[in-house]
Amino acid sequence: MRWALVDFGHPFYRPLARRIIIFGLVVVWTGVEFFAGSTTWMLLFLGLSAYVGWGFFLSGQADGKVEEPREDDAATERTPPPEGENEPDPGKSG
């Protein structure tokens, strides 16, 4: 099991604008804590800003390829099996 604070591969984070807004909010809050003189919270949010920035823009996880269902998989699920495949074999007793 891989531990992660945020699942950067989640489809919610796929739009670039959403990632920029979230990253911007974390960076702005880091500045708020800095100017308020709260060193501990500023360092916490500075680390969170670095983590979110790496995850959203440098790791490539949020830009991952969208897996769409393949057409051949959907077709095989809806197509009934050919005649005779669902009938029991008369030579076998179960």
Protein backbone atom coordinates (compact mmCIF):
# COMPACT_ATOMS: atom_id res chain seq x y z
CA MET A 1 0.00 0.00 0.00
CA ARG A 2 1.35 3.38 -0.99
CA TRP A 3 0.80 6.21 1.46
CA ALA A 4 -0.11 9.57 0.00
CA LEU A 5 -1.53 12.75 1.48
CA VAL A 6 -3.33 13.54 -1.78
CA ASP A 7 -4.19 11.21 -4.66
CA PHE A 8 -2.84 13.34 -7.51
CA GLY A 9 -4.08 10.82 -10.07
CA HIS A 10 -7.73 11.40 -9.12
CA PRO A 11 -9.87 12.74 -12.02
CA PHE A 12 -10.88 15.75 -9.90
CA TYR A 13 -7.38 17.20 -10.32
CA ARG A 14 -7.21 16.69 -14.10
CA PRO A 15 -8.23 20.26 -15.18
CA LEU A 16 -5.20 22.56 -15.12
CA ALA A 17 -7.20 25.56 -13.89
CA ARG A 18 -8.36 23.61 -10.84
CA ARG A 19 -4.79 22.63 -9.99
CA ILE A 20 -3.57 26.22 -10.37
CA ILE A 21 -6.34 27.54 -8.10
CA ILE A 22 -5.66 24.95 -5.37
CA PHE A 23 -1.91 25.55 -5.51
CA GLY A 24 -2.46 29.32 -5.45
CA LEU A 25 -4.68 29.10 -2.38
CA VAL A 26 -2.08 27.08 -0.47
CA VAL A 27 0.68 29.53 -1.44
CA VAL A 28 -1.46 32.55 -0.48
CA TRP A 29 -2.20 30.97 2.90
CA THR A 30 1.53 30.42 3.38
CA GLY A 31 1.97 34.17 2.87
CA VAL A 32 -0.83 34.95 5.33
CA GLU A 33 0.88 32.87 7.99
CA PHE A 34 4.25 34.48 7.21
CA PHE A 35 2.91 38.03 7.58
CA ALA A 36 0.96 37.06 10.71
CA GLY A 37 4.24 35.99 12.30
CA SER A 38 3.21 32.38 12.82
CA THR A 39 6.43 30.59 11.95
CA THR A 40 5.21 27.05 12.66
CA TRP A 41 2.11 27.33 10.49
CA MET A 42 4.09 29.12 7.79
CA LEU A 43 6.60 26.27 7.65
CA LEU A 44 3.79 23.71 7.58
CA PHE A 45 2.07 25.44 4.67
CA LEU A 46 5.40 26.03 2.92
CA GLY A 47 5.99 22.27 2.98
CA LEU A 48 2.42 21.65 1.83
CA SER A 49 2.91 24.16 -1.01
CA ALA A 50 6.04 22.33 -2.13
CA TYR A 51 4.27 18.94 -1.94
CA VAL A 52 1.19 20.14 -3.85
CA GLY A 53 3.32 21.95 -6.43
CA TRP A 54 5.39 18.84 -7.04
CA GLY A 55 2.32 16.62 -7.26
CA PHE A 56 0.32 18.88 -9.56
CA PHE A 57 3.00 20.19 -11.90
CA LEU A 58 6.24 18.19 -11.69
CA SER A 59 5.33 14.55 -11.01
CA GLY A 60 3.01 14.14 -14.00
CA GLN A 61 0.51 12.15 -11.95
CA ALA A 62 -2.31 14.67 -12.37
CA ASP A 63 -1.76 14.73 -16.15
CA GLY A 64 -2.14 10.97 -16.45
CA LYS A 65 -3.87 9.43 -19.40
CA VAL A 66 -7.63 9.06 -19.08
CA GLU A 67 -8.61 5.42 -19.47
CA GLU A 68 -11.72 5.17 -21.58
CA PRO A 69 -13.65 1.94 -21.92
CA ARG A 70 -12.68 0.06 -25.03
CA GLU A 71 -15.37 -0.63 -27.59
CA ASP A 72 -14.54 -4.32 -27.94
CA ASP A 73 -14.97 -4.85 -24.15
CA ALA A 74 -18.41 -3.28 -24.17
CA ALA A 75 -19.47 -5.25 -27.24
CA THR A 76 -18.50 -8.61 -25.76
CA GLU A 77 -20.41 -7.93 -22.56
CA ARG A 78 -23.68 -7.29 -24.41
CA THR A 79 -23.38 -10.01 -27.03
CA PRO A 80 -24.93 -13.35 -26.01
CA PRO A 81 -22.76 -16.45 -26.51
CA PRO A 82 -23.26 -18.51 -29.67
CA GLU A 83 -25.93 -21.24 -29.68
CA GLY A 84 -25.00 -24.35 -27.79
CA GLU A 85 -22.31 -22.81 -25.57
CA ASN A 86 -24.58 -22.51 -22.55
CA GLU A 87 -25.94 -26.05 -22.83
CA PRO A 88 -24.43 -28.72 -20.56
CA ASP A 89 -22.23 -31.39 -22.13
CA PRO A 90 -24.28 -34.61 -22.34
CA GLY A 91 -21.16 -36.75 -21.83
CA LYS A 92 -20.31 -35.23 -18.45
CA SER A 93 -22.22 -35.85 -15.27
CA GLY A 94 -21.98 -33.27 -12.58
